[in-house]
Amino acid sequence: MARLLSYLMNFYFRRSCLRKAAWSVIGLVLFAPVAALVFQNSRVSTYPVGWERSFQLSSFNVVARNAAAASQDNFIAVVYEGISGKGREIYASFSFNAGASVLPSLKVADASSKTELNPHVAIARSGAVSVMWQGYVDGESATRIFYSTSKDFGATWTAPRKLILGKQTEMLPRIYYDDRNVLHLFYHGSVDGNINLFHAESPDGVDFTTTGSLIRLSGSVRGAFFPSICLSGEDFHIVWQGKEEDFSDELFFIKSSNYGRSWSSKKRITGSAGNNEVPAVAKYGNVLYVVYQNNDEKNWAIKMIRSNDRGRTWEAVPLKVSTTVANCYSPAVGIFGTDLLIVWYDTRAAGGTIYSRKYSIKDDAFMPEVPVSDTPQGSKNPAILVLSNRSFLFWEGKNVIMAKQTDVSAEPPRVYSDTNPEGRWSRLPYVMMRWYPPADESGIAGYAAIMNDQPDFNPTVVNLKPEVTRQRITDLSDGVSYFHIRAVDNAGNYSRTIHYKLQLAINPMPEPSIASATHEQGKPNRSPAPSFTWSLGGMERVKGFVYGLSRDTIRMPDHFTTDMNVQLKGKGLEDGNYFFSVAAVDKSNQPGRVSTYAFIVGGRENADPDYYKKVAKEERKFERRYAFAPAPVRAGIARPPKVTINPPAERSPYVYYTERIMGKLSSRLGFMSVAFFGLAIAATTLGYGKRIRFYVYLFLFKISVAYRLFLKKN
C-alpha cells in the first residue's frame, strides 16, 4: 500500500496534465455545492388553487396585531395596532382597486395605553372613514373608547377624541355605517359589575347618543360577549355569546327592523353539552348563516347553523364545517356570489394555519377544506372581506398582518405577429400569431383562441395547451379578420379577450363596376367629354384606383386617384372607338383586376369586321398578360416583407435573448451543470497564478517529504 501511494505521488509531480485535471476536479467538488445553493430555482406555487400569493400588509418596523377591515365598493381600509419603541399606535392601509394593490401603511393616531387597542373601522358611502379603539386611562383606572375620522379617504385624520358614554368601563368597539351614512357603535360596557352590549349612533360621526343595554340579563345569563353584527338596510342582526348560570357558553340572537331604535328579545339558538363560542354571522336573501366554534367532541371544531326566516327559527342540528381532530378557532364568514366562504385557523401545524372551506348555497354542499396561509411562523385570527368579484382575506402572523385575495381573474397574453403587424395589410397566404404567456399564481391551464370576422367575439373553448405560444393559420379570407385569444388559469378564471386585428389582402381586388351617364357602352355618342363612375365592394381594403383611356386598343391603366368618378374634359375626343379601364389598388399596393368600358365617340359605329377581330385579339392578349391567379400565388411581390419585432419596452433585450437561449436547455440539471463547470474552470484558472501555484507545490512537497521519512522509519 505504501509503495502504491509513493508511486501515485511521484506520478502526480511528473505529469503536469494530471495536476491540472486533479485541481479541476477539486475545484468542481468545492464549488458545486455553492453553485447549487446560488443557482437553484424552484417554481413558486400557491395552494390552494383559487387564492393568490400572500403578502405582508402591515408596516415592517412595528409589531402588528388585532387587525380589522371594512370596504365600500372597491375601496378597502384595514386598521391594526402597531407596537414600537414609542408605544402603541393605530395604523391603516388602503386599497382603491379591491385589494389588487395596497398602499403603504400610515399612522392614524398615537395611543398611550397599557392594554391592547383592538381597533375597528367603518367606511361611509360618502367616503368618510372612522376608526375606533379602546385605551386604558390611568386617571380613571378604566378602559375608554377613542375615535378618529377622515373625510378624504384616509389622507388626513382628526386628532383622537375620547367618547363619553357614561359606563364604568367601555371596551371592544365595533362600528358600522348604515345606508343613510349614520355611524353605529356597538360596544361592551360594564354596569354594576355585569358586562353587557350597548349601542350608540351618530348622524354626523362626531356626537354620539347612547341607549340602554341591548340585552336584558337574567338569572340564567350572566353576560354578553363577542357580538357578530350584520347590517342589511334597516335590518340589524346580532349573534352573541352568553355565559349561562352553569358557566357554559351558548349563542343568542337579537334583531332590529328600524335601524337599531328598538330590539327584539334574546333568542337562544344553540343547545349542546359543550360550549359554543365566537360566532360569525352572514345573510343571503332571507337566510342567516352563523358559524362558531364548539367543543362537544372535546376538541374545538367549527360548526354552522341556519335560519331560513330571518332569525325566527333555527336549525336544531348544526352542520360540521371543519373535518380535523385538531383544535379550530376564530371562524369568519362571507358571502361570495352563491357560495359561503368560511375561514378559521387550527393547530394541525405548529403555530396555526388558516383554512378555508366553501359551502355552495345552490347545491347545499361543502367543498373540500384547503389551507390558505403559508406563513412559516404560524397564522391566527383570520378575517374576511367580500367585494363584488373577489374576497380579501387577512390574518395575524408572527408580529405581522398578512393578506391575500381570491384568484378571480387571469391576465391576458401579450399578442403579436411577425407576419401581420398591427395596422398593416399583408399579402401572405398564412398568419403566424405569437404571444407571451401571462404570469398567474395558479398557473395557466390553456388558451381559448379562434379567428373570425367578428370584432368582439369571446372564445370559451380551451383549445390550446399552456405550453403553446404560437399558432399558424392558413384558412384565410380577404379583408379584415380578428384573432381572438384569452388565457384560462388553473383556478378556472378567463382573462379578458385580446382581439388582434388582421388585415389580409391575399387575392387581388375584383373588377370595379363601371357606369357612364354620358356614353352608353358600345353605343355611338357625339359628346366628346365622357364621364364615368364606378363602384366596388370591400372598400376597407382599397387604397385608391388607377384608370386609363386608350383608343382602338386596351391598355393598362396608369393614372392614380382616390375618387370613384372621373370626367374627361379639355379639347374633347376625336371620333372613334375608346376603352376606359379601371382597377383597384389595395393597401398593400397590389393592383386588382382590370375592368374595361368600351364606348364610341361620333355619329356612327365602326362596321369594319377586321377591326373587331383585332380588338378581340388584343383583349385576349391583355387578359392573359394581366391575369391574376388566386391564393397562394402572391402576385406583384418579389419576397414577403421582413418585420423586426423588438422585445417589450419594460424588459431588457439582454434578458429577452437570455431567456430564449436558456429556454432551450432541457432541464434545470443542464442549467446547473453549465454553472458548475463554468465556476470550476474559473477557479482552476485562478489557481494557475505563480504565487498560488508556488505555495501549493511547497505544501505538497512537504507532505511528500514527511511521507518518505515515515516510510524510512517503518
Foldseek 3Di string as FASTA:
>chain_A
DLVVVLVVLVVCVVDPVNVLVVLLVVLLVVCLVVLCVVPPDDDDFAPDAFWFDKDFQADPQWQWDQKEWEDDFLKIKIWIWTQHPVGIFIKIWIDNGNVPDIDHIDTAADAHAPDGWNKYWEAAPQGKIKIKTWGQDVVLREIWMWMWIDNHNPPHIDYIDTDDDPASYWHNWYWYAANLRKIKIWIWGADPRETFIWIWIGNVVPDIDTDDGQADDDQFWRYWDQWAWDDDHQKIKIKTWTQTNVRAIFIWIKMDNGNPPHIDYIDTAADDPHHWHNWYWDDDDQKIKIWTWTCNVPATFIWIKMDNHNPPHIDHDIHTDDDDSFHWDQKYWDDAPQKIKIWTWTPPDPQIFIKIWIAGNVVRDIDDIITHDDAPQHWGNKYWDYHNHKIKIWTDGRSTIMIIITPAADAWWAKAWQQFGAPAEHQAQKTKIFTDHGDDNQAWQAKFKDKAADQQDAGDDGDGGRVDGMDMGRPDDAAKMWIWMWIAGPSGHTYHIDTGIHHYDNAFFEEWAKDWPQFDFPDEDQFQKTKMFTDGPRCVFFPWKFKDKDFLADDDGDHTDRHRMDIGDDPGDDWGKMKIKMWTQTRVRDTHDIDITIGTHDDDDDPDPVSVVVHVVRVVVVCVVPPTDGPPDRPPDPDTDGGDDDPDPVDDSVVVVVCVVVVPDPDVVVVSVVVSSVSSVVVSVVCPDPVNVVVVVVVSVVVSVVSVVVVVVD
